[in-house]
Amino acid sequence: MNQHQQQLFDYITKLQQKVSTLHTEYWAQYSSFHTWQFWVVVLMLIVPLIVLAFTIDREKIFLIGFYGFNIHAWFAYIDTYGVRTRLWGYPYEAIPYFPSFSLDASLVPVVFMLVYQWTLNHNKNFYLYSFLTACVFAFIVKPILASLGLLVVFDGVNYFHILIVYLITFLISRIVTKIFLLGEKKPAH
């Protein structure tokens, strides 16, 4: 690393450290246990997992779980990008440093997992029902979260953009799941 690169890298990491400290202070003052918003976010994390525990099809648990993990992973990446580039933000968090943890880790993946399970078990069109689910999240859930102050959408971003994010995410997750299914070893008859 040359000297200029080292200086710039040091500068960036020091700024990140300052931002992390500010973030923790903000969370402790405005987003911690003493706010009702914190508890709503915690419920969005816990309740879907409880529902999933009682409703997941045990015969397809790995398939549905793998799909859900894909949803979770892609949303975590996309959301991190969106927060870091100030496309959107979450003023209230269950855990500092994980802005949309309850949405990415629980609510969104669980809902998409249950839709996937339902389409498999009832031989319904996965793409249609996933599209409808994405629309519900983009045009109903996200605006409700925004009206409650749990989500801030910054200039230049609208709910249609958020719909596109949901569509891309469930499609990529479905493709990755199908690729892994193709590689699954079939038993000999």
N, C-alpha and C. Protein backbone atom coordinates (compact mmCIF):
# COMPACT_ATOMS: atom_id res chain seq x y z
N MET A 1 0.85 -1.17 0.00
CA MET A 1 0.00 0.00 0.00
C MET A 1 0.91 1.24 0.00
N ASN A 2 0.64 2.17 -0.93
CA ASN A 2 1.45 3.39 -0.92
C ASN A 2 0.98 4.33 0.19
N GLN A 3 1.74 5.39 0.42
CA GLN A 3 1.48 6.28 1.55
C GLN A 3 0.12 6.96 1.44
N HIS A 4 -0.24 7.44 0.25
CA HIS A 4 -1.53 8.11 0.07
C HIS A 4 -2.68 7.14 0.33
N GLN A 5 -2.55 5.94 -0.19
CA GLN A 5 -3.58 4.93 0.03
C GLN A 5 -3.72 4.62 1.52
N GLN A 6 -2.60 4.48 2.21
CA GLN A 6 -2.62 4.19 3.65
C GLN A 6 -3.29 5.32 4.42
N GLN A 7 -2.97 6.57 4.06
CA GLN A 7 -3.57 7.72 4.74
C GLN A 7 -5.08 7.76 4.51
N LEU A 8 -5.49 7.54 3.29
CA LEU A 8 -6.91 7.55 2.98
C LEU A 8 -7.64 6.41 3.70
N PHE A 9 -7.02 5.24 3.71
CA PHE A 9 -7.62 4.10 4.41
C PHE A 9 -7.75 4.39 5.90
N ASP A 10 -6.70 4.94 6.51
CA ASP A 10 -6.75 5.30 7.94
C ASP A 10 -7.85 6.33 8.20
N TYR A 11 -7.95 7.32 7.33
CA TYR A 11 -8.97 8.35 7.48
C TYR A 11 -10.38 7.74 7.43
N ILE A 12 -10.60 6.87 6.46
CA ILE A 12 -11.91 6.22 6.32
C ILE A 12 -12.24 5.38 7.55
N THR A 13 -11.29 4.60 8.03
CA THR A 13 -11.57 3.74 9.20
C THR A 13 -11.80 4.57 10.45
N LYS A 14 -11.11 5.71 10.58
CA LYS A 14 -11.36 6.59 11.74
C LYS A 14 -12.75 7.20 11.66
N LEU A 15 -13.17 7.60 10.46
CA LEU A 15 -14.53 8.11 10.29
C LEU A 15 -15.56 7.03 10.61
N GLN A 16 -15.31 5.81 10.16
CA GLN A 16 -16.23 4.71 10.46
C GLN A 16 -16.33 4.48 11.96
N GLN A 17 -15.21 4.58 12.65
CA GLN A 17 -15.21 4.41 14.10
C GLN A 17 -16.03 5.51 14.77
N LYS A 18 -15.89 6.75 14.30
CA LYS A 18 -16.68 7.86 14.85
C LYS A 18 -18.17 7.64 14.59
N VAL A 19 -18.50 7.23 13.38
CA VAL A 19 -19.90 6.97 13.04
C VAL A 19 -20.45 5.83 13.91
N SER A 20 -19.67 4.80 14.13
CA SER A 20 -20.10 3.69 14.99
C SER A 20 -20.38 4.17 16.41
N THR A 21 -19.51 5.01 16.92
CA THR A 21 -19.71 5.55 18.27
C THR A 21 -20.98 6.40 18.32
N LEU A 22 -21.17 7.27 17.33
CA LEU A 22 -22.39 8.08 17.26
C LEU A 22 -23.63 7.20 17.14
N HIS A 23 -23.53 6.16 16.33
CA HIS A 23 -24.66 5.25 16.14
C HIS A 23 -25.05 4.59 17.46
N THR A 24 -24.08 4.13 18.20
CA THR A 24 -24.35 3.49 19.49
C THR A 24 -24.97 4.49 20.47
N GLU A 25 -24.45 5.71 20.48
CA GLU A 25 -25.01 6.75 21.36
C GLU A 25 -26.45 7.07 20.96
N TYR A 26 -26.70 7.17 19.66
CA TYR A 26 -28.05 7.42 19.16
C TYR A 26 -28.99 6.30 19.59
N TRP A 27 -28.55 5.06 19.40
CA TRP A 27 -29.38 3.91 19.76
C TRP A 27 -29.72 3.94 21.25
N ALA A 28 -28.73 4.17 22.09
CA ALA A 28 -28.95 4.19 23.54
C ALA A 28 -29.92 5.30 23.94
N GLN A 29 -29.84 6.43 23.27
CA GLN A 29 -30.68 7.57 23.64
C GLN A 29 -32.08 7.51 23.03
N TYR A 30 -32.20 7.04 21.78
CA TYR A 30 -33.47 7.16 21.08
C TYR A 30 -34.11 5.84 20.65
N SER A 31 -33.38 4.76 20.68
CA SER A 31 -33.88 3.54 20.06
C SER A 31 -33.77 2.33 20.96
N SER A 32 -33.60 2.55 22.23
CA SER A 32 -33.33 1.44 23.14
C SER A 32 -34.61 0.96 23.83
N PHE A 33 -34.42 0.19 24.88
CA PHE A 33 -35.50 -0.49 25.60
C PHE A 33 -36.60 0.45 26.09
N HIS A 34 -36.31 1.70 26.27
CA HIS A 34 -37.28 2.64 26.84
C HIS A 34 -38.26 3.21 25.81
N THR A 35 -38.17 2.80 24.55
CA THR A 35 -39.08 3.33 23.53
C THR A 35 -40.06 2.24 23.07
N TRP A 36 -41.27 2.66 22.76
CA TRP A 36 -42.26 1.70 22.25
C TRP A 36 -41.82 1.17 20.89
N GLN A 37 -41.10 2.00 20.12
CA GLN A 37 -40.65 1.58 18.80
C GLN A 37 -39.69 0.40 18.89
N PHE A 38 -38.83 0.42 19.90
CA PHE A 38 -37.91 -0.69 20.10
C PHE A 38 -38.70 -1.99 20.26
N TRP A 39 -39.76 -1.95 21.05
CA TRP A 39 -40.54 -3.16 21.32
C TRP A 39 -41.32 -3.61 20.09
N VAL A 40 -41.77 -2.68 19.26
CA VAL A 40 -42.42 -3.05 18.00
C VAL A 40 -41.42 -3.78 17.10
N VAL A 41 -40.20 -3.24 17.02
CA VAL A 41 -39.15 -3.87 16.21
C VAL A 41 -38.82 -5.26 16.75
N VAL A 42 -38.75 -5.40 18.06
CA VAL A 42 -38.47 -6.71 18.67
C VAL A 42 -39.60 -7.69 18.35
N LEU A 43 -40.84 -7.23 18.41
CA LEU A 43 -41.97 -8.10 18.06
C LEU A 43 -41.91 -8.52 16.60
N MET A 44 -41.49 -7.60 15.71
CA MET A 44 -41.35 -7.96 14.29
C MET A 44 -40.26 -9.00 14.09
N LEU A 45 -39.37 -9.12 15.04
CA LEU A 45 -38.33 -10.14 14.99
C LEU A 45 -38.83 -11.47 15.56
N ILE A 46 -39.48 -11.44 16.70
CA ILE A 46 -39.83 -12.66 17.43
C ILE A 46 -41.11 -13.33 16.92
N VAL A 47 -42.17 -12.56 16.72
CA VAL A 47 -43.47 -13.14 16.36
C VAL A 47 -43.40 -13.97 15.07
N PRO A 48 -42.80 -13.48 13.98
CA PRO A 48 -42.73 -14.32 12.78
C PRO A 48 -41.99 -15.64 13.01
N LEU A 49 -40.94 -15.62 13.83
CA LEU A 49 -40.20 -16.86 14.10
C LEU A 49 -41.05 -17.86 14.87
N ILE A 50 -41.87 -17.36 15.79
CA ILE A 50 -42.78 -18.24 16.53
C ILE A 50 -43.82 -18.82 15.58
N VAL A 51 -44.40 -17.98 14.73
CA VAL A 51 -45.38 -18.45 13.75
C VAL A 51 -44.74 -19.51 12.85
N LEU A 52 -43.53 -19.25 12.39
CA LEU A 52 -42.83 -20.20 11.52
C LEU A 52 -42.61 -21.54 12.21
N ALA A 53 -42.24 -21.50 13.47
CA ALA A 53 -41.98 -22.74 14.22
C ALA A 53 -43.21 -23.65 14.24
N PHE A 54 -44.39 -23.05 14.25
CA PHE A 54 -45.62 -23.84 14.31
C PHE A 54 -46.21 -24.17 12.94
N THR A 55 -45.77 -23.47 11.90
CA THR A 55 -46.43 -23.65 10.60
C THR A 55 -45.55 -24.24 9.51
N ILE A 56 -44.26 -24.30 9.71
CA ILE A 56 -43.38 -24.79 8.64
C ILE A 56 -43.64 -26.27 8.37
N ASP A 57 -43.66 -26.63 7.12
CA ASP A 57 -43.84 -28.01 6.69
C ASP A 57 -42.55 -28.77 7.01
N ARG A 58 -42.63 -29.67 7.96
CA ARG A 58 -41.44 -30.39 8.43
C ARG A 58 -40.82 -31.26 7.34
N GLU A 59 -41.63 -31.70 6.39
CA GLU A 59 -41.10 -32.53 5.30
C GLU A 59 -40.29 -31.71 4.30
N LYS A 60 -40.54 -30.42 4.26
CA LYS A 60 -39.83 -29.54 3.32
C LYS A 60 -39.01 -28.49 4.05
N ILE A 61 -38.69 -28.75 5.29
CA ILE A 61 -38.06 -27.73 6.14
C ILE A 61 -36.73 -27.23 5.58
N PHE A 62 -35.91 -28.12 5.02
CA PHE A 62 -34.61 -27.68 4.51
C PHE A 62 -34.77 -26.86 3.22
N LEU A 63 -35.67 -27.27 2.36
CA LEU A 63 -35.93 -26.52 1.13
C LEU A 63 -36.46 -25.13 1.45
N ILE A 64 -37.47 -25.08 2.28
CA ILE A 64 -38.08 -23.80 2.64
C ILE A 64 -37.10 -22.95 3.46
N GLY A 65 -36.37 -23.59 4.35
CA GLY A 65 -35.37 -22.88 5.15
C GLY A 65 -34.25 -22.32 4.29
N PHE A 66 -33.81 -23.08 3.30
CA PHE A 66 -32.75 -22.61 2.40
C PHE A 66 -33.23 -21.40 1.60
N TYR A 67 -34.47 -21.48 1.11
CA TYR A 67 -35.04 -20.35 0.38
C TYR A 67 -35.12 -19.13 1.29
N GLY A 68 -35.59 -19.33 2.51
CA GLY A 68 -35.70 -18.23 3.47
C GLY A 68 -34.35 -17.63 3.82
N PHE A 69 -33.35 -18.49 3.95
CA PHE A 69 -32.01 -17.98 4.24
C PHE A 69 -31.50 -17.13 3.08
N ASN A 70 -31.81 -17.55 1.86
CA ASN A 70 -31.45 -16.75 0.68
C ASN A 70 -32.11 -15.38 0.73
N ILE A 71 -33.39 -15.36 1.02
CA ILE A 71 -34.11 -14.09 1.15
C ILE A 71 -33.41 -13.22 2.19
N HIS A 72 -33.15 -13.80 3.34
CA HIS A 72 -32.49 -13.08 4.44
C HIS A 72 -31.13 -12.52 4.01
N ALA A 73 -30.31 -13.34 3.39
CA ALA A 73 -28.96 -12.91 3.02
C ALA A 73 -29.00 -11.79 1.99
N TRP A 74 -29.81 -11.95 0.95
CA TRP A 74 -29.87 -10.92 -0.09
C TRP A 74 -30.42 -9.61 0.46
N PHE A 75 -31.47 -9.70 1.30
CA PHE A 75 -32.01 -8.47 1.89
C PHE A 75 -30.99 -7.81 2.81
N ALA A 76 -30.23 -8.59 3.53
CA ALA A 76 -29.20 -8.00 4.40
C ALA A 76 -28.19 -7.21 3.57
N TYR A 77 -27.76 -7.77 2.45
CA TYR A 77 -26.81 -7.07 1.58
C TYR A 77 -27.43 -5.80 0.99
N ILE A 78 -28.63 -5.95 0.44
CA ILE A 78 -29.29 -4.82 -0.21
C ILE A 78 -29.60 -3.72 0.80
N ASP A 79 -30.09 -4.12 1.97
CA ASP A 79 -30.43 -3.14 2.99
C ASP A 79 -29.19 -2.41 3.50
N THR A 80 -28.11 -3.13 3.67
CA THR A 80 -26.86 -2.50 4.09
C THR A 80 -26.45 -1.44 3.08
N TYR A 81 -26.54 -1.79 1.81
CA TYR A 81 -26.22 -0.83 0.75
C TYR A 81 -27.16 0.38 0.82
N GLY A 82 -28.46 0.13 0.96
CA GLY A 82 -29.44 1.21 1.01
C GLY A 82 -29.23 2.15 2.19
N VAL A 83 -28.89 1.59 3.34
CA VAL A 83 -28.65 2.41 4.53
C VAL A 83 -27.34 3.18 4.39
N ARG A 84 -26.30 2.51 3.92
CA ARG A 84 -24.98 3.17 3.80
C ARG A 84 -24.98 4.29 2.76
N THR A 85 -25.79 4.15 1.73
CA THR A 85 -25.84 5.17 0.68
C THR A 85 -27.00 6.15 0.88
N ARG A 86 -27.65 6.04 2.01
CA ARG A 86 -28.73 6.94 2.43
C ARG A 86 -29.91 6.93 1.46
N LEU A 87 -30.27 5.74 0.99
CA LEU A 87 -31.49 5.60 0.21
C LEU A 87 -32.68 5.49 1.16
N TRP A 88 -32.47 4.79 2.27
CA TRP A 88 -33.46 4.66 3.32
C TRP A 88 -32.73 4.43 4.64
N GLY A 89 -33.49 4.53 5.72
CA GLY A 89 -32.88 4.33 7.03
C GLY A 89 -33.92 3.87 8.04
N TYR A 90 -33.43 3.34 9.14
CA TYR A 90 -34.28 2.81 10.20
C TYR A 90 -33.91 3.52 11.51
N PRO A 91 -34.74 4.48 11.94
CA PRO A 91 -34.41 5.23 13.16
C PRO A 91 -34.46 4.40 14.44
N TYR A 92 -35.14 3.26 14.39
CA TYR A 92 -35.26 2.40 15.58
C TYR A 92 -34.78 1.01 15.23
N GLU A 93 -33.94 0.47 16.09
CA GLU A 93 -33.32 -0.83 15.83
C GLU A 93 -33.38 -1.70 17.07
N ALA A 94 -33.52 -3.00 16.87
CA ALA A 94 -33.46 -3.93 18.00
C ALA A 94 -32.02 -4.05 18.48
N ILE A 95 -31.10 -4.03 17.53
CA ILE A 95 -29.68 -4.20 17.84
C ILE A 95 -28.92 -3.14 17.04
N PRO A 96 -28.10 -2.33 17.71
CA PRO A 96 -27.33 -1.35 16.94
C PRO A 96 -26.42 -2.05 15.93
N TYR A 97 -26.16 -1.38 14.85
CA TYR A 97 -25.31 -1.87 13.75
C TYR A 97 -26.05 -2.79 12.79
N PHE A 98 -27.25 -3.22 13.13
CA PHE A 98 -28.05 -4.05 12.22
C PHE A 98 -29.37 -3.32 12.00
N PRO A 99 -29.38 -2.34 11.11
CA PRO A 99 -30.52 -1.43 10.98
C PRO A 99 -31.87 -2.10 10.78
N SER A 100 -31.96 -3.06 9.91
CA SER A 100 -33.26 -3.65 9.62
C SER A 100 -33.29 -5.12 10.04
N PHE A 101 -32.60 -5.42 11.11
CA PHE A 101 -32.44 -6.81 11.54
C PHE A 101 -33.77 -7.54 11.66
N SER A 102 -34.77 -6.93 12.27
CA SER A 102 -36.05 -7.64 12.45
C SER A 102 -36.73 -7.89 11.11
N LEU A 103 -36.60 -6.97 10.17
CA LEU A 103 -37.21 -7.18 8.86
C LEU A 103 -36.45 -8.24 8.06
N ASP A 104 -35.13 -8.08 7.97
CA ASP A 104 -34.31 -8.98 7.15
C ASP A 104 -34.17 -10.37 7.74
N ALA A 105 -34.09 -10.45 9.04
CA ALA A 105 -33.83 -11.74 9.68
C ALA A 105 -35.10 -12.51 9.98
N SER A 106 -36.23 -11.85 10.00
CA SER A 106 -37.42 -12.55 10.44
C SER A 106 -38.65 -12.24 9.58
N LEU A 107 -39.19 -11.06 9.69
CA LEU A 107 -40.50 -10.78 9.09
C LEU A 107 -40.53 -11.08 7.58
N VAL A 108 -39.66 -10.46 6.82
CA VAL A 108 -39.68 -10.65 5.36
C VAL A 108 -39.36 -12.10 4.97
N PRO A 109 -38.26 -12.68 5.47
CA PRO A 109 -37.98 -14.07 5.08
C PRO A 109 -39.08 -15.04 5.48
N VAL A 110 -39.63 -14.87 6.67
CA VAL A 110 -40.68 -15.81 7.13
C VAL A 110 -41.91 -15.70 6.25
N VAL A 111 -42.33 -14.50 5.93
CA VAL A 111 -43.51 -14.34 5.07
C VAL A 111 -43.25 -14.96 3.70
N PHE A 112 -42.09 -14.68 3.11
CA PHE A 112 -41.78 -15.28 1.80
C PHE A 112 -41.63 -16.80 1.90
N MET A 113 -41.11 -17.30 3.01
CA MET A 113 -41.01 -18.76 3.21
C MET A 113 -42.40 -19.39 3.25
N LEU A 114 -43.32 -18.76 3.97
CA LEU A 114 -44.67 -19.31 4.09
C LEU A 114 -45.41 -19.23 2.76
N VAL A 115 -45.17 -18.18 1.99
CA VAL A 115 -45.75 -18.09 0.65
C VAL A 115 -45.19 -19.21 -0.24
N TYR A 116 -43.89 -19.40 -0.18
CA TYR A 116 -43.24 -20.47 -0.95
C TYR A 116 -43.81 -21.83 -0.56
N GLN A 117 -43.93 -22.07 0.73
CA GLN A 117 -44.48 -23.33 1.23
C GLN A 117 -45.92 -23.51 0.73
N TRP A 118 -46.72 -22.47 0.81
CA TRP A 118 -48.12 -22.54 0.39
C TRP A 118 -48.21 -22.85 -1.10
N THR A 119 -47.37 -22.20 -1.91
CA THR A 119 -47.42 -22.46 -3.36
C THR A 119 -46.98 -23.89 -3.68
N LEU A 120 -46.02 -24.41 -2.93
CA LEU A 120 -45.59 -25.80 -3.13
C LEU A 120 -46.69 -26.78 -2.74
N ASN A 121 -47.29 -26.56 -1.58
CA ASN A 121 -48.28 -27.49 -1.04
C ASN A 121 -49.63 -27.43 -1.76
N HIS A 122 -49.92 -26.31 -2.40
CA HIS A 122 -51.21 -26.16 -3.08
C HIS A 122 -51.07 -26.04 -4.59
N ASN A 123 -49.87 -26.31 -5.09
CA ASN A 123 -49.59 -26.28 -6.52
C ASN A 123 -50.06 -24.97 -7.16
N LYS A 124 -49.67 -23.86 -6.53
CA LYS A 124 -50.03 -22.53 -7.01
C LYS A 124 -48.81 -21.88 -7.66
N ASN A 125 -49.05 -20.82 -8.39
CA ASN A 125 -48.00 -20.11 -9.11
C ASN A 125 -47.12 -19.32 -8.13
N PHE A 126 -45.92 -19.81 -7.92
CA PHE A 126 -44.98 -19.18 -6.99
C PHE A 126 -44.73 -17.72 -7.36
N TYR A 127 -44.52 -17.45 -8.63
CA TYR A 127 -44.15 -16.11 -9.07
C TYR A 127 -45.29 -15.11 -8.86
N LEU A 128 -46.51 -15.53 -9.13
CA LEU A 128 -47.66 -14.65 -8.93
C LEU A 128 -47.81 -14.30 -7.45
N TYR A 129 -47.80 -15.31 -6.59
CA TYR A 129 -48.03 -15.05 -5.17
C TYR A 129 -46.84 -14.35 -4.51
N SER A 130 -45.65 -14.59 -4.99
CA SER A 130 -44.49 -13.85 -4.48
C SER A 130 -44.54 -12.40 -4.93
N PHE A 131 -45.00 -12.18 -6.16
CA PHE A 131 -45.18 -10.81 -6.66
C PHE A 131 -46.21 -10.07 -5.80
N LEU A 132 -47.32 -10.74 -5.51
CA LEU A 132 -48.35 -10.11 -4.67
C LEU A 132 -47.81 -9.82 -3.27
N THR A 133 -47.02 -10.74 -2.74
CA THR A 133 -46.41 -10.52 -1.42
C THR A 133 -45.46 -9.33 -1.46
N ALA A 134 -44.67 -9.24 -2.52
CA ALA A 134 -43.75 -8.10 -2.68
C ALA A 134 -44.54 -6.79 -2.74
N CYS A 135 -45.67 -6.80 -3.44
CA CYS A 135 -46.51 -5.60 -3.52
C CYS A 135 -47.06 -5.22 -2.15
N VAL A 136 -47.48 -6.20 -1.38
CA VAL A 136 -47.98 -5.92 -0.03
C VAL A 136 -46.88 -5.28 0.82
N PHE A 137 -45.68 -5.84 0.76
CA PHE A 137 -44.58 -5.25 1.53
C PHE A 137 -44.25 -3.84 1.04
N ALA A 138 -44.14 -3.67 -0.28
CA ALA A 138 -43.71 -2.38 -0.83
C ALA A 138 -44.75 -1.28 -0.68
N PHE A 139 -46.04 -1.63 -0.86
CA PHE A 139 -47.06 -0.59 -0.91
C PHE A 139 -47.97 -0.52 0.32
N ILE A 140 -47.84 -1.50 1.23
CA ILE A 140 -48.65 -1.46 2.45
C ILE A 140 -47.75 -1.47 3.69
N VAL A 141 -46.91 -2.50 3.82
CA VAL A 141 -46.09 -2.64 5.03
C VAL A 141 -45.09 -1.49 5.16
N LYS A 142 -44.33 -1.22 4.10
CA LYS A 142 -43.31 -0.15 4.17
C LYS A 142 -43.94 1.22 4.44
N PRO A 143 -45.05 1.59 3.77
CA PRO A 143 -45.67 2.88 4.12
C PRO A 143 -46.18 2.94 5.56
N ILE A 144 -46.67 1.81 6.08
CA ILE A 144 -47.08 1.79 7.49
C ILE A 144 -45.87 2.01 8.38
N LEU A 145 -44.78 1.31 8.09
CA LEU A 145 -43.55 1.50 8.87
C LEU A 145 -43.08 2.95 8.80
N ALA A 146 -43.19 3.55 7.62
CA ALA A 146 -42.79 4.95 7.47
C ALA A 146 -43.71 5.87 8.28
N SER A 147 -45.01 5.60 8.26
CA SER A 147 -45.94 6.45 9.01
C SER A 147 -45.74 6.33 10.52
N LEU A 148 -45.23 5.18 10.96
CA LEU A 148 -44.92 4.99 12.38
C LEU A 148 -43.53 5.52 12.75
N GLY A 149 -42.80 5.98 11.75
CA GLY A 149 -41.45 6.49 12.00
C GLY A 149 -40.41 5.40 12.13
N LEU A 150 -40.75 4.17 11.74
CA LEU A 150 -39.80 3.05 11.84
C LEU A 150 -38.94 2.92 10.59
N LEU A 151 -39.31 3.63 9.53
CA LEU A 151 -38.57 3.63 8.27
C LEU A 151 -38.57 5.05 7.73
N VAL A 152 -37.43 5.48 7.23
CA VAL A 152 -37.33 6.77 6.55
C VAL A 152 -36.83 6.49 5.14
N VAL A 153 -37.61 6.93 4.16
CA VAL A 153 -37.22 6.80 2.76
C VAL A 153 -36.73 8.17 2.32
N PHE A 154 -35.49 8.23 1.86
CA PHE A 154 -34.89 9.52 1.52
C PHE A 154 -35.20 9.91 0.08
N ASP A 155 -34.85 11.15 -0.24
CA ASP A 155 -35.13 11.73 -1.55
C ASP A 155 -34.66 10.83 -2.69
N GLY A 156 -35.50 10.75 -3.70
CA GLY A 156 -35.13 9.98 -4.88
C GLY A 156 -35.57 8.53 -4.84
N VAL A 157 -36.02 8.07 -3.69
CA VAL A 157 -36.47 6.67 -3.55
C VAL A 157 -37.97 6.69 -3.28
N ASN A 158 -38.69 5.83 -3.97
CA ASN A 158 -40.12 5.71 -3.70
C ASN A 158 -40.46 4.23 -3.49
N TYR A 159 -41.71 3.96 -3.23
CA TYR A 159 -42.12 2.59 -2.91
C TYR A 159 -42.06 1.67 -4.13
N PHE A 160 -42.12 2.24 -5.32
CA PHE A 160 -41.93 1.42 -6.52
C PHE A 160 -40.49 0.88 -6.55
N HIS A 161 -39.53 1.71 -6.19
CA HIS A 161 -38.14 1.25 -6.11
C HIS A 161 -38.01 0.11 -5.10
N ILE A 162 -38.72 0.25 -4.00
CA ILE A 162 -38.68 -0.79 -2.97
C ILE A 162 -39.30 -2.08 -3.51
N LEU A 163 -40.38 -1.95 -4.29
CA LEU A 163 -40.97 -3.13 -4.93
C LEU A 163 -39.95 -3.83 -5.81
N ILE A 164 -39.20 -3.08 -6.59
CA ILE A 164 -38.17 -3.66 -7.46
C ILE A 164 -37.16 -4.44 -6.63
N VAL A 165 -36.77 -3.90 -5.49
CA VAL A 165 -35.83 -4.59 -4.59
C VAL A 165 -36.43 -5.92 -4.15
N TYR A 166 -37.70 -5.93 -3.75
CA TYR A 166 -38.35 -7.17 -3.34
C TYR A 166 -38.41 -8.18 -4.48
N LEU A 167 -38.76 -7.71 -5.67
CA LEU A 167 -38.86 -8.61 -6.82
C LEU A 167 -37.51 -9.24 -7.15
N ILE A 168 -36.48 -8.41 -7.21
CA ILE A 168 -35.14 -8.93 -7.51
C ILE A 168 -34.72 -9.93 -6.45
N THR A 169 -35.00 -9.62 -5.20
CA THR A 169 -34.57 -10.49 -4.10
C THR A 169 -35.26 -11.85 -4.16
N PHE A 170 -36.58 -11.88 -4.34
CA PHE A 170 -37.23 -13.19 -4.36
C PHE A 170 -36.87 -13.97 -5.61
N LEU A 171 -36.62 -13.28 -6.72
CA LEU A 171 -36.22 -13.99 -7.94
C LEU A 171 -34.82 -14.58 -7.81
N ILE A 172 -33.88 -13.81 -7.29
CA ILE A 172 -32.52 -14.33 -7.08
C ILE A 172 -32.57 -15.51 -6.11
N SER A 173 -33.33 -15.36 -5.04
CA SER A 173 -33.43 -16.44 -4.05
C SER A 173 -34.02 -17.70 -4.66
N ARG A 174 -35.01 -17.53 -5.51
CA ARG A 174 -35.63 -18.68 -6.18
C ARG A 174 -34.63 -19.34 -7.14
N ILE A 175 -33.90 -18.53 -7.88
CA ILE A 175 -32.91 -19.08 -8.82
C ILE A 175 -31.83 -19.85 -8.08
N VAL A 176 -31.30 -19.27 -7.01
CA VAL A 176 -30.26 -19.95 -6.22
C VAL A 176 -30.80 -21.26 -5.65
N THR A 177 -32.03 -21.23 -5.15
CA THR A 177 -32.64 -22.45 -4.61
C THR A 177 -32.79 -23.50 -5.70
N LYS A 178 -33.25 -23.10 -6.88
CA LYS A 178 -33.39 -24.06 -7.99
C LYS A 178 -32.05 -24.64 -8.41
N ILE A 179 -31.01 -23.82 -8.43
CA ILE A 179 -29.68 -24.31 -8.78
C ILE A 179 -29.24 -25.38 -7.79
N PHE A 180 -29.46 -25.14 -6.51
CA PHE A 180 -29.09 -26.13 -5.51
C PHE A 180 -29.95 -27.39 -5.62
N LEU A 181 -31.22 -27.23 -5.98
CA LEU A 181 -32.08 -28.39 -6.17
C LEU A 181 -31.61 -29.24 -7.34
N LEU A 182 -31.12 -28.59 -8.39
CA LEU A 182 -30.60 -29.33 -9.55
C LEU A 182 -29.38 -30.16 -9.16
N GLY A 183 -28.61 -29.66 -8.23
CA GLY A 183 -27.41 -30.37 -7.79
C GLY A 183 -27.67 -31.43 -6.74
N GLU A 184 -28.93 -31.50 -6.28
CA GLU A 184 -29.27 -32.48 -5.25
C GLU A 184 -29.11 -33.89 -5.81
N LYS A 185 -28.51 -34.75 -5.03
CA LYS A 185 -28.27 -36.13 -5.47
C LYS A 185 -29.60 -36.90 -5.41
N LYS A 186 -29.96 -37.48 -6.52
CA LYS A 186 -31.19 -38.26 -6.61
C LYS A 186 -30.90 -39.71 -6.22
N PRO A 187 -31.78 -40.31 -5.40
CA PRO A 187 -31.56 -41.72 -5.03
C PRO A 187 -31.79 -42.64 -6.23
N ALA A 188 -31.00 -43.70 -6.32
CA ALA A 188 -31.14 -44.69 -7.40
C ALA A 188 -32.35 -45.57 -7.12
N HIS A 189 -33.08 -45.93 -8.17
CA HIS A 189 -34.27 -46.78 -8.01
C HIS A 189 -33.95 -48.21 -8.29
